PDB file of N, CA and C in Angstrom:
ATOM      1  N   LYS A   1      -0.955  31.931   4.462  1.00  0.00           N
ATOM      2  CA  LYS A   1      -0.468  30.984   5.457  1.00  0.00           C
ATOM      3  C   LYS A   1      -0.955  29.582   5.094  1.00  0.00           C
ATOM      4  N   LYS A   2      -0.083  28.611   5.237  1.00  0.00           N
ATOM      5  CA  LYS A   2      -0.436  27.220   4.926  1.00  0.00           C
ATOM      6  C   LYS A   2      -1.391  26.675   5.968  1.00  0.00           C
ATOM      7  N   LYS A   3      -2.343  25.874   5.494  1.00  0.00           N
ATOM      8  CA  LYS A   3      -3.271  25.213   6.399  1.00  0.00           C
ATOM      9  C   LYS A   3      -2.509  24.137   7.168  1.00  0.00           C
ATOM     10  N   GLY A   4      -2.683  24.096   8.493  1.00  0.00           N
ATOM     11  CA  GLY A   4      -2.022  23.064   9.296  1.00  0.00           C
ATOM     12  C   GLY A   4      -0.618  23.439   9.704  1.00  0.00           C
ATOM     13  N   GLY A   5      -0.281  24.725   9.686  1.00  0.00           N
ATOM     14  CA  GLY A   5       1.040  25.148  10.136  1.00  0.00           C
ATOM     15  C   GLY A   5       2.109  24.806   9.121  1.00  0.00           C
ATOM     16  N   ASP A   6       3.146  24.099   9.561  1.00  0.00           N
ATOM     17  CA  ASP A   6       4.248  23.797   8.660  1.00  0.00           C
ATOM     18  C   ASP A   6       4.073  22.452   7.960  1.00  0.00           C
ATOM     19  N   LYS A   7       2.901  21.880   8.059  1.00  0.00           N
ATOM     20  CA  LYS A   7       2.637  20.611   7.380  1.00  0.00           C
ATOM     21  C   LYS A   7       2.461  20.870   5.895  1.00  0.00           C
ATOM     22  N   PHE A   8       2.765  19.908   5.085  1.00  0.00           N
ATOM     23  CA  PHE A   8       2.721  20.060   3.638  1.00  0.00           C
ATOM     24  C   PHE A   8       1.616  19.206   3.046  1.00  0.00           C
ATOM     25  N   GLY A   9       0.704  19.819   2.326  1.00  0.00           N
ATOM     26  CA  GLY A   9      -0.315  19.078   1.577  1.00  0.00           C
ATOM     27  C   GLY A   9      -1.283  18.281   2.417  1.00  0.00           C
ATOM     28  N   GLY A  10      -1.547  18.689   3.640  1.00  0.00           N
ATOM     29  CA  GLY A  10      -2.512  17.980   4.472  1.00  0.00           C
ATOM     30  C   GLY A  10      -1.992  16.682   5.051  1.00  0.00           C
ATOM     31  N   THR A  11      -0.687  16.481   5.040  1.00  0.00           N
ATOM     32  CA  THR A  11      -0.128  15.252   5.599  1.00  0.00           C
ATOM     33  C   THR A  11       0.209  15.464   7.065  1.00  0.00           C
ATOM     34  N   ASP A  12       0.345  14.357   7.791  1.00  0.00           N
ATOM     35  CA  ASP A  12       0.766  14.429   9.189  1.00  0.00           C
ATOM     36  C   ASP A  12       2.276  14.547   9.297  1.00  0.00           C
ATOM     37  N   SER A  13       2.965  14.312   8.224  1.00  0.00           N
ATOM     38  CA  SER A  13       4.413  14.377   8.232  1.00  0.00           C
ATOM     39  C   SER A  13       4.864  15.135   6.991  1.00  0.00           C
ATOM     40  N   ASP A  14       5.943  15.848   7.115  1.00  0.00           N
ATOM     41  CA  ASP A  14       6.438  16.653   6.015  1.00  0.00           C
ATOM     42  C   ASP A  14       7.233  15.781   5.047  1.00  0.00           C
ATOM     43  N   LEU A  15       6.648  15.539   3.882  1.00  0.00           N
ATOM     44  CA  LEU A  15       7.293  14.693   2.881  1.00  0.00           C
ATOM     45  C   LEU A  15       8.588  15.294   2.362  1.00  0.00           C
ATOM     46  N   ARG A  16       8.708  16.615   2.447  1.00  0.00           N
ATOM     47  CA  ARG A  16       9.913  17.270   1.932  1.00  0.00           C
ATOM     48  C   ARG A  16      11.156  16.853   2.707  1.00  0.00           C
ATOM     49  N   GLY A  17      10.954  16.313   3.912  1.00  0.00           N
ATOM     50  CA  GLY A  17      12.092  15.904   4.737  1.00  0.00           C
ATOM     51  C   GLY A  17      12.646  14.535   4.391  1.00  0.00           C
ATOM     52  N   LEU A  18      11.967  13.805   3.510  1.00  0.00           N
ATOM     53  CA  LEU A  18      12.466  12.472   3.132  1.00  0.00           C
ATOM     54  C   LEU A  18      13.715  12.599   2.276  1.00  0.00           C
ATOM     55  N   THR A  19      14.734  11.843   2.622  1.00  0.00           N
ATOM     56  CA  THR A  19      15.955  11.827   1.816  1.00  0.00           C
ATOM     57  C   THR A  19      15.818  10.796   0.703  1.00  0.00           C
ATOM     58  N   LEU A  20      16.775  10.805  -0.196  1.00  0.00           N
ATOM     59  CA  LEU A  20      16.800   9.825  -1.279  1.00  0.00           C
ATOM     60  C   LEU A  20      16.851   8.412  -0.700  1.00  0.00           C
ATOM     61  N   GLN A  21      17.660   8.230   0.354  1.00  0.00           N
ATOM     62  CA  GLN A  21      17.802   6.920   0.997  1.00  0.00           C
ATOM     63  C   GLN A  21      16.521   6.512   1.719  1.00  0.00           C
ATOM     64  N   ASP A  22      15.846   7.473   2.374  1.00  0.00           N
ATOM     65  CA  ASP A  22      14.569   7.174   3.033  1.00  0.00           C
ATOM     66  C   ASP A  22      13.555   6.679   2.004  1.00  0.00           C
ATOM     67  N   GLY A  23      13.500   7.366   0.866  1.00  0.00           N
ATOM     68  CA  GLY A  23      12.591   6.960  -0.209  1.00  0.00           C
ATOM     69  C   GLY A  23      12.910   5.564  -0.701  1.00  0.00           C
ATOM     70  N   TYR A  24      14.205   5.265  -0.825  1.00  0.00           N
ATOM     71  CA  TYR A  24      14.625   3.933  -1.259  1.00  0.00           C
ATOM     72  C   TYR A  24      14.125   2.872  -0.289  1.00  0.00           C
ATOM     73  N   LYS A  25      14.333   3.110   1.014  1.00  0.00           N
ATOM     74  CA  LYS A  25      13.940   2.127   2.034  1.00  0.00           C
ATOM     75  C   LYS A  25      12.436   1.878   2.026  1.00  0.00           C
ATOM     76  N   ILE A  26      11.652   2.957   1.915  1.00  0.00           N
ATOM     77  CA  ILE A  26      10.195   2.804   1.921  1.00  0.00           C
ATOM     78  C   ILE A  26       9.722   2.065   0.676  1.00  0.00           C
ATOM     79  N   LEU A  27      10.264   2.419  -0.490  1.00  0.00           N
ATOM     80  CA  LEU A  27       9.848   1.743  -1.732  1.00  0.00           C
ATOM     81  C   LEU A  27      10.318   0.290  -1.746  1.00  0.00           C
ATOM     82  N   LYS A  28      11.444   0.017  -1.147  1.00  0.00           N
ATOM     83  CA  LYS A  28      11.918  -1.365  -1.025  1.00  0.00           C
ATOM     84  C   LYS A  28      10.955  -2.157  -0.138  1.00  0.00           C
ATOM     85  N   PHE A  29      10.496  -1.542   0.946  1.00  0.00           N
ATOM     86  CA  PHE A  29       9.503  -2.152   1.828  1.00  0.00           C
ATOM     87  C   PHE A  29       8.220  -2.460   1.056  1.00  0.00           C
ATOM     88  N   LEU A  30       7.887  -1.621   0.085  1.00  0.00           N
ATOM     89  CA  LEU A  30       6.691  -1.808  -0.738  1.00  0.00           C
ATOM     90  C   LEU A  30       6.950  -2.746  -1.919  1.00  0.00           C
ATOM     91  N   ARG A  31       8.082  -3.421  -1.893  1.00  0.00           N
ATOM     92  CA  ARG A  31       8.442  -4.472  -2.845  1.00  0.00           C
ATOM     93  C   ARG A  31       8.734  -3.977  -4.257  1.00  0.00           C
ATOM     94  N   HIS A  32       9.291  -2.794  -4.353  1.00  0.00           N
ATOM     95  CA  HIS A  32       9.788  -2.324  -5.641  1.00  0.00           C
ATOM     96  C   HIS A  32      11.202  -2.871  -5.808  1.00  0.00           C
ATOM     97  N   SER A  33      11.566  -3.166  -7.033  1.00  0.00           N
ATOM     98  CA  SER A  33      12.908  -3.698  -7.281  1.00  0.00           C
ATOM     99  C   SER A  33      13.934  -2.565  -7.251  1.00  0.00           C
ATOM    100  N   ASP A  34      15.193  -2.935  -7.046  1.00  0.00           N
ATOM    101  CA  ASP A  34      16.268  -1.948  -7.048  1.00  0.00           C
ATOM    102  C   ASP A  34      16.310  -1.204  -8.379  1.00  0.00           C
ATOM    103  N   GLU A  35      16.082  -1.929  -9.465  1.00  0.00           N
ATOM    104  CA  GLU A  35      16.122  -1.324 -10.799  1.00  0.00           C
ATOM    105  C   GLU A  35      15.048  -0.246 -10.945  1.00  0.00           C
ATOM    106  N   GLU A  36      13.835  -0.535 -10.464  1.00  0.00           N
ATOM    107  CA  GLU A  36      12.752   0.453 -10.527  1.00  0.00           C
ATOM    108  C   GLU A  36      13.087   1.688  -9.697  1.00  0.00           C
ATOM    109  N   ILE A  37      13.565   1.448  -8.491  1.00  0.00           N
ATOM    110  CA  ILE A  37      13.850   2.553  -7.571  1.00  0.00           C
ATOM    111  C   ILE A  37      14.978   3.417  -8.110  1.00  0.00           C
ATOM    112  N   ASP A  38      16.004   2.792  -8.673  1.00  0.00           N
ATOM    113  CA  ASP A  38      17.154   3.540  -9.176  1.00  0.00           C
ATOM    114  C   ASP A  38      16.783   4.479 -10.321  1.00  0.00           C
ATOM    115  N   LEU A  39      15.694   4.190 -11.021  1.00  0.00           N
ATOM    116  CA  LEU A  39      15.252   5.051 -12.119  1.00  0.00           C
ATOM    117  C   LEU A  39      14.572   6.330 -11.629  1.00  0.00           C
ATOM    118  N   LEU A  40      14.195   6.364 -10.354  1.00  0.00           N
ATOM    119  CA  LEU A  40      13.458   7.495  -9.809  1.00  0.00           C
ATOM    120  C   LEU A  40      14.379   8.457  -9.077  1.00  0.00           C
ATOM    121  N   ASP A  41      14.179   9.757  -9.321  1.00  0.00           N
ATOM    122  CA  ASP A  41      14.923  10.727  -8.523  1.00  0.00           C
ATOM    123  C   ASP A  41      14.196  10.930  -7.195  1.00  0.00           C
ATOM    124  N   ARG A  42      14.715  11.771  -6.331  1.00  0.00           N
ATOM    125  CA  ARG A  42      14.164  11.939  -4.987  1.00  0.00           C
ATOM    126  C   ARG A  42      12.696  12.353  -5.015  1.00  0.00           C
ATOM    127  N   TRP A  43      12.345  13.337  -5.826  1.00  0.00           N
ATOM    128  CA  TRP A  43      10.970  13.824  -5.844  1.00  0.00           C
ATOM    129  C   TRP A  43      10.006  12.805  -6.433  1.00  0.00           C
ATOM    130  N   ASP A  44      10.467  12.021  -7.408  1.00  0.00           N
ATOM    131  CA  ASP A  44       9.612  10.963  -7.953  1.00  0.00           C
ATOM    132  C   ASP A  44       9.352   9.896  -6.898  1.00  0.00           C
ATOM    133  N   ARG A  45      10.358   9.588  -6.102  1.00  0.00           N
ATOM    134  CA  ARG A  45      10.185   8.624  -5.008  1.00  0.00           C
ATOM    135  C   ARG A  45       9.177   9.159  -3.990  1.00  0.00           C
ATOM    136  N   ILE A  46       9.312  10.437  -3.646  1.00  0.00           N
ATOM    137  CA  ILE A  46       8.408  11.054  -2.679  1.00  0.00           C
ATOM    138  C   ILE A  46       6.977  11.046  -3.203  1.00  0.00           C
ATOM    139  N   MET A  47       6.783  11.384  -4.486  1.00  0.00           N
ATOM    140  CA  MET A  47       5.442  11.387  -5.067  1.00  0.00           C
ATOM    141  C   MET A  47       4.835   9.987  -5.058  1.00  0.00           C
ATOM    142  N   LEU A  48       5.637   8.969  -5.348  1.00  0.00           N
ATOM    143  CA  LEU A  48       5.150   7.590  -5.348  1.00  0.00           C
ATOM    144  C   LEU A  48       4.756   7.155  -3.938  1.00  0.00           C
ATOM    145  N   ILE A  49       5.561   7.519  -2.953  1.00  0.00           N
ATOM    146  CA  ILE A  49       5.250   7.196  -1.559  1.00  0.00           C
ATOM    147  C   ILE A  49       3.940   7.873  -1.151  1.00  0.00           C
ATOM    148  N   GLU A  50       3.780   9.126  -1.543  1.00  0.00           N
ATOM    149  CA  GLU A  50       2.543   9.853  -1.226  1.00  0.00           C
ATOM    150  C   GLU A  50       1.332   9.179  -1.861  1.00  0.00           C
ATOM    151  N   GLU A  51       1.480   8.726  -3.119  1.00  0.00           N
ATOM    152  CA  GLU A  51       0.383   8.030  -3.793  1.00  0.00           C
ATOM    153  C   GLU A  51      -0.003   6.754  -3.054  1.00  0.00           C
ATOM    154  N   TYR A  52       0.995   5.970  -2.661  1.00  0.00           N
ATOM    155  CA  TYR A  52       0.714   4.751  -1.891  1.00  0.00           C
ATOM    156  C   TYR A  52      -0.008   5.094  -0.592  1.00  0.00           C
ATOM    157  N   ALA A  53       0.522   6.062   0.136  1.00  0.00           N
ATOM    158  CA  ALA A  53      -0.045   6.423   1.438  1.00  0.00           C
ATOM    159  C   ALA A  53      -1.482   6.908   1.294  1.00  0.00           C
ATOM    160  N   SER A  54      -1.747   7.734   0.301  1.00  0.00           N
ATOM    161  CA  SER A  54      -3.095   8.260   0.107  1.00  0.00           C
ATOM    162  C   SER A  54      -4.057   7.186  -0.374  1.00  0.00           C
ATOM    163  N   ALA A  55      -3.586   6.281  -1.218  1.00  0.00           N
ATOM    164  CA  ALA A  55      -4.443   5.204  -1.725  1.00  0.00           C
ATOM    165  C   ALA A  55      -4.827   4.239  -0.611  1.00  0.00           C
ATOM    166  N   LEU A  56      -3.916   4.006   0.310  1.00  0.00           N
ATOM    167  CA  LEU A  56      -4.193   3.089   1.408  1.00  0.00           C
ATOM    168  C   LEU A  56      -5.066   3.723   2.479  1.00  0.00           C
ATOM    169  N   GLY A  57      -5.123   5.035   2.500  1.00  0.00           N
ATOM    170  CA  GLY A  57      -5.992   5.733   3.453  1.00  0.00           C
ATOM    171  C   GLY A  57      -5.645   5.424   4.882  1.00  0.00           C
ATOM    172  N   THR A  58      -6.564   4.790   5.596  1.00  0.00           N
ATOM    173  CA  THR A  58      -6.361   4.543   7.029  1.00  0.00           C
ATOM    174  C   THR A  58      -5.871   3.127   7.300  1.00  0.00           C
ATOM    175  N   GLU A  59      -5.267   2.490   6.342  1.00  0.00           N
ATOM    176  CA  GLU A  59      -4.741   1.136   6.554  1.00  0.00           C
ATOM    177  C   GLU A  59      -3.756   1.133   7.713  1.00  0.00           C
ATOM    178  N   GLU A  60      -3.555  -0.022   8.285  1.00  0.00           N
ATOM    179  CA  GLU A  60      -2.695  -0.151   9.458  1.00  0.00           C
ATOM    180  C   GLU A  60      -1.227  -0.332   9.068  1.00  0.00           C
ATOM    181  N   ILE A  61      -0.707   0.594   8.294  1.00  0.00           N
ATOM    182  CA  ILE A  61       0.717   0.588   7.956  1.00  0.00           C
ATOM    183  C   ILE A  61       1.282   1.909   8.456  1.00  0.00           C
ATOM    184  N   PRO A  62       1.747   1.932   9.699  1.00  0.00           N
ATOM    185  CA  PRO A  62       2.210   3.187  10.290  1.00  0.00           C
ATOM    186  C   PRO A  62       3.271   3.883   9.443  1.00  0.00           C
ATOM    187  N   LEU A  63       4.100   3.107   8.775  1.00  0.00           N
ATOM    188  CA  LEU A  63       5.149   3.661   7.945  1.00  0.00           C
ATOM    189  C   LEU A  63       4.571   4.600   6.894  1.00  0.00           C
ATOM    190  N   LEU A  64       3.417   4.240   6.325  1.00  0.00           N
ATOM    191  CA  LEU A  64       2.830   5.038   5.259  1.00  0.00           C
ATOM    192  C   LEU A  64       1.740   5.979   5.717  1.00  0.00           C
ATOM    193  N   SER A  65       0.975   5.596   6.728  1.00  0.00           N
ATOM    194  CA  SER A  65      -0.192   6.384   7.103  1.00  0.00           C
ATOM    195  C   SER A  65       0.173   7.821   7.476  1.00  0.00           C
ATOM    196  N   LYS A  66       1.370   8.035   7.983  1.00  0.00           N
ATOM    197  CA  LYS A  66       1.751   9.399   8.349  1.00  0.00           C
ATOM    198  C   LYS A  66       2.003  10.274   7.126  1.00  0.00           C
ATOM    199  N   PHE A  67       2.131   9.677   5.935  1.00  0.00           N
ATOM    200  CA  PHE A  67       2.351  10.450   4.721  1.00  0.00           C
ATOM    201  C   PHE A  67       1.091  10.608   3.873  1.00  0.00           C
ATOM    202  N   ALA A  68      -0.032  10.068   4.327  1.00  0.00           N
ATOM    203  CA  ALA A  68      -1.273  10.115   3.545  1.00  0.00           C
ATOM    204  C   ALA A  68      -1.794  11.546   3.467  1.00  0.00           C
ATOM    205  N   ARG A  69      -2.204  11.935   2.280  1.00  0.00           N
ATOM    206  CA  ARG A  69      -2.771  13.266   2.070  1.00  0.00           C
ATOM    207  C   ARG A  69      -4.272  13.207   2.214  1.00  0.00           C
ATOM    208  N   ASN A  70      -4.791  13.936   3.157  1.00  0.00           N
ATOM    209  CA  ASN A  70      -6.233  14.088   3.317  1.00  0.00           C
ATOM    210  C   ASN A  70      -6.982  12.774   3.109  1.00  0.00           C
ATOM    211  N   ALA A  71      -6.488  11.734   3.719  1.00  0.00           N
ATOM    212  CA  ALA A  71      -7.086  10.409   3.566  1.00  0.00           C
ATOM    213  C   ALA A  71      -8.476  10.380   4.191  1.00  0.00           C
ATOM    214  N   PRO A  72      -9.433   9.757   3.499  1.00  0.00           N
ATOM    215  CA  PRO A  72     -10.778   9.678   4.062  1.00  0.00           C
ATOM    216  C   PRO A  72     -10.798   8.778   5.295  1.00  0.00           C
ATOM    217  N   LYS A  73     -11.598   9.142   6.258  1.00  0.00           N
ATOM    218  CA  LYS A  73     -11.735   8.340   7.475  1.00  0.00           C
ATOM    219  C   LYS A  73     -12.889   7.354   7.277  1.00  0.00           C
ATOM    220  N   LEU A  74     -12.638   6.093   7.543  1.00  0.00           N
ATOM    221  CA  LEU A  74     -13.662   5.067   7.391  1.00  0.00           C
ATOM    222  C   LEU A  74     -14.455   4.919   8.685  1.00  0.00           C
ATOM    223  N   THR A  75     -15.743   4.625   8.528  1.00  0.00           N
ATOM    224  CA  THR A  75     -16.569   4.352   9.698  1.00  0.00           C
ATOM    225  C   THR A  75     -16.271   2.936  10.181  1.00  0.00           C
ATOM    226  N   GLU A  76     -16.720   2.613  11.383  1.00  0.00           N
ATOM    227  CA  GLU A  76     -16.503   1.264  11.916  1.00  0.00           C
ATOM    228  C   GLU A  76     -17.156   0.220  11.022  1.00  0.00           C
ATOM    229  N   ASN A  77     -18.347   0.536  10.511  1.00  0.00           N
ATOM    230  CA  ASN A  77     -19.061  -0.388   9.625  1.00  0.00           C
ATOM    231  C   ASN A  77     -18.278  -0.607   8.325  1.00  0.00           C
ATOM    232  N   GLU A  78     -17.721   0.461   7.758  1.00  0.00           N
ATOM    233  CA  GLU A  78     -16.932   0.339   6.527  1.00  0.00           C
ATOM    234  C   GLU A  78     -15.673  -0.487   6.770  1.00  0.00           C
ATOM    235  N   ILE A  79     -15.053  -0.289   7.908  1.00  0.00           N
ATOM    236  CA  ILE A  79     -13.849  -1.060   8.249  1.00  0.00           C
ATOM    237  C   ILE A  79     -14.206  -2.536   8.408  1.00  0.00           C
ATOM    238  N   ARG A  80     -15.319  -2.819   9.082  1.00  0.00           N
ATOM    239  CA  ARG A  80     -15.763  -4.206   9.275  1.00  0.00           C
ATOM    240  C   ARG A  80     -16.076  -4.857   7.922  1.00  0.00           C
ATOM    241  N   GLU A  81     -16.788  -4.139   7.047  1.00  0.00           N
ATOM    242  CA  GLU A  81     -17.109  -4.679   5.717  1.00  0.00           C
ATOM    243  C   GLU A  81     -15.848  -4.922   4.903  1.00  0.00           C
ATOM    244  N   ARG A  82     -14.899  -3.985   4.977  1.00  0.00           N
ATOM    245  CA  ARG A  82     -13.639  -4.141   4.258  1.00  0.00           C
ATOM    246  C   ARG A  82     -12.882  -5.366   4.742  1.00  0.00           C
ATOM    247  N   ASP A  83     -12.840  -5.543   6.072  1.00  0.00           N
ATOM    248  CA  ASP A  83     -12.129  -6.680   6.650  1.00  0.00           C
ATOM    249  C   ASP A  83     -12.784  -8.012   6.280  1.00  0.00           C
ATOM    250  N   GLU A  84     -14.111  -8.049   6.296  1.00  0.00           N
ATOM    251  CA  GLU A  84     -14.832  -9.273   5.906  1.00  0.00           C
ATOM    252  C   GLU A  84     -14.575  -9.609   4.444  1.00  0.00           C
ATOM    253  N   THR A  85     -14.621  -8.609   3.603  1.00  0.00           N
ATOM    254  CA  THR A  85     -14.349  -8.826   2.175  1.00  0.00           C
ATOM    255  C   THR A  85     -12.922  -9.313   1.973  1.00  0.00           C
ATOM    256  N   GLN A  86     -11.969  -8.722   2.702  1.00  0.00           N
ATOM    257  CA  GLN A  86     -10.578  -9.143   2.563  1.00  0.00           C
ATOM    258  C   GLN A  86     -10.391 -10.585   3.015  1.00  0.00           C
ATOM    259  N   LYS A  87     -11.083 -11.009   4.054  1.00  0.00           N
ATOM    260  CA  LYS A  87     -11.002 -12.399   4.502  1.00  0.00           C
ATOM    261  C   LYS A  87     -11.512 -13.344   3.421  1.00  0.00           C
ATOM    262  N   LYS A  88     -12.623 -12.971   2.769  1.00  0.00           N
ATOM    263  CA  LYS A  88     -13.164 -13.795   1.683  1.00  0.00           C
ATOM    264  C   LYS A  88     -12.183 -13.880   0.521  1.00  0.00           C
ATOM    265  N   VAL A  89     -11.588 -12.761   0.183  1.00  0.00           N
ATOM    266  CA  VAL A  89     -10.612 -12.728  -0.907  1.00  0.00           C
ATOM    267  C   VAL A  89      -9.411 -13.606  -0.554  1.00  0.00           C
ATOM    268  N   ASN A  90      -8.932 -13.500   0.674  1.00  0.00           N
ATOM    269  CA  ASN A  90      -7.793 -14.317   1.105  1.00  0.00           C
ATOM    270  C   ASN A  90      -8.111 -15.805   1.039  1.00  0.00           C
ATOM    271  N   LYS A  91      -9.329 -16.174   1.442  1.00  0.00           N
ATOM    272  CA  LYS A  91      -9.728 -17.578   1.404  1.00  0.00           C
ATOM    273  C   LYS A  91      -9.773 -18.086  -0.041  1.00  0.00           C
ATOM    274  N   LEU A  92     -10.360 -17.300  -0.940  1.00  0.00           N
ATOM    275  CA  LEU A  92     -10.392 -17.682  -2.356  1.00  0.00           C
ATOM    276  C   LEU A  92      -8.985 -17.810  -2.927  1.00  0.00           C
ATOM    277  N   PHE A  93      -8.123 -16.882  -2.548  1.00  0.00           N
ATOM    278  CA  PHE A  93      -6.750 -16.915  -3.026  1.00  0.00           C
ATOM    279  C   PHE A  93      -6.032 -18.183  -2.567  1.00  0.00           C
ATOM    280  N   GLN A  94      -6.244 -18.575  -1.318  1.00  0.00           N
ATOM    281  CA  GLN A  94      -5.629 -19.795  -0.794  1.00  0.00           C
ATOM    282  C   GLN A  94      -6.132 -21.025  -1.547  1.00  0.00           C
ATOM    283  N   VAL A  95      -7.425 -21.062  -1.834  1.00  0.00           N
ATOM    284  CA  VAL A  95      -7.997 -22.186  -2.586  1.00  0.00           C
ATOM    285  C   VAL A  95      -7.389 -22.238  -3.987  1.00  0.00           C
ATOM    286  N   GLN A  96      -7.259 -21.082  -4.626  1.00  0.00           N
ATOM    287  CA  GLN A  96      -6.662 -21.039  -5.960  1.00  0.00           C
ATOM    288  C   GLN A  96      -5.205 -21.481  -5.933  1.00  0.00           C
ATOM    289  N   CYS A  97      -4.454 -21.013  -4.947  1.00  0.00           N
ATOM    290  CA  CYS A  97      -3.045 -21.413  -4.831  1.00  0.00           C
ATOM    291  C   CYS A  97      -2.923 -22.921  -4.643  1.00  0.00           C
ATOM    292  N   LYS A  98      -3.787 -23.475  -3.819  1.00  0.00           N
ATOM    293  CA  LYS A  98      -3.759 -24.915  -3.572  1.00  0.00           C
ATOM    294  C   LYS A  98      -4.077 -25.676  -4.857  1.00  0.00           C
ATOM    295  N   ALA A  99      -5.075 -25.206  -5.594  1.00  0.00           N
ATOM    296  CA  ALA A  99      -5.451 -25.865  -6.849  1.00  0.00           C
ATOM    297  C   ALA A  99      -4.333 -25.767  -7.878  1.00  0.00           C
ATOM    298  N   LEU A 100      -3.690 -24.620  -7.961  1.00  0.00           N
ATOM    299  CA  LEU A 100      -2.627 -24.425  -8.941  1.00  0.00           C
ATOM    300  C   LEU A 100      -1.357 -25.185  -8.582  1.00  0.00           C
ATOM    301  N   SER A 101      -1.125 -25.413  -7.309  1.00  0.00           N
ATOM    302  CA  SER A 101       0.093 -26.112  -6.898  1.00  0.00           C
ATOM    303  C   SER A 101      -0.092 -27.630  -6.861  1.00  0.00           C
ATOM    304  N   SER A 102      -1.294 -28.095  -7.068  1.00  0.00           N
ATOM    305  CA  SER A 102      -1.562 -29.529  -7.049  1.00  0.00           C
ATOM    306  C   SER A 102      -0.999 -30.189  -8.315  1.00  0.00           C
ATOM    307  N   SER A 103      -0.395 -31.350  -8.148  1.00  0.00           N
ATOM    308  CA  SER A 103       0.140 -32.080  -9.304  1.00  0.00           C
ATOM    309  C   SER A 103      -0.944 -32.947  -9.949  1.00  0.00           C
ATOM    310  N   LYS A 104      -2.040 -33.117  -9.278  1.00  0.00           N
ATOM    311  CA  LYS A 104      -3.156 -33.907  -9.791  1.00  0.00           C
ATOM    312  C   LYS A 104      -4.108 -33.008 -10.599  1.00  0.00           C
ATOM    313  N   PRO A 105      -4.464 -33.400 -11.822  1.00  0.00           N
ATOM    314  CA  PRO A 105      -5.361 -32.565 -12.630  1.00  0.00           C
ATOM    315  C   PRO A 105      -6.764 -32.530 -12.008  1.00  0.00           C
ATOM    316  N   PRO A 106      -7.523 -31.476 -12.277  1.00  0.00           N
ATOM    317  CA  PRO A 106      -8.903 -31.410 -11.759  1.00  0.00           C
ATOM    318  C   PRO A 106      -9.723 -32.576 -12.280  1.00  0.00           C
ATOM    319  N   GLU A 107     -10.726 -32.981 -11.507  1.00  0.00           N
ATOM    320  CA  GLU A 107     -11.565 -34.137 -11.866  1.00  0.00           C
ATOM    321  C   GLU A 107     -12.238 -33.981 -13.218  1.00  0.00           C
ATOM    322  N   TYR A 108     -12.688 -32.779 -13.531  1.00  0.00           N
ATOM    323  CA  TYR A 108     -13.416 -32.603 -14.792  1.00  0.00           C
ATOM    324  C   TYR A 108     -12.526 -32.802 -16.003  1.00  0.00           C
ATOM    325  N   LEU A 109     -11.196 -32.737 -15.845  1.00  0.00           N
ATOM    326  CA  LEU A 109     -10.281 -32.990 -16.955  1.00  0.00           C
ATOM    327  C   LEU A 109      -9.921 -34.467 -17.098  1.00  0.00           C
ATOM    328  N   SER A 110     -10.143 -35.264 -16.059  1.00  0.00           N
ATOM    329  CA  SER A 110      -9.728 -36.664 -16.095  1.00  0.00           C
ATOM    330  C   SER A 110     -10.846 -37.587 -16.568  1.00  0.00           C
ATOM    331  N   LYS A 111     -12.004 -37.033 -16.939  1.00  0.00           N
ATOM    332  CA  LYS A 111     -13.100 -37.876 -17.414  1.00  0.00           C
ATOM    333  C   LYS A 111     -13.001 -38.121 -18.891  1.00  0.00           C
TER     334      LYS A 111
END
């Protein structure tokens, strides 16, 4: 007997029920190009969706979290640390984008 009743692979949702079109929509949401998606058959799309869902774990993407396989549960402290780190990364990224989009060369190059 399967663990978890009719669930497949420890997921909250049965991945076998995804259609080719469902897989297309989810992968499009994940910013895959039409060309990439068209190269994948239904099962390859499902496997890729499962990989994304499992890698993201408990992230706040309801679309994917229901397909996560045995995703580890984060403690409140781990979630807080992850969020703080992500804020720092976002701030650095914004500074880099601003520097790269500036038409004025950096000061150290103009000396």
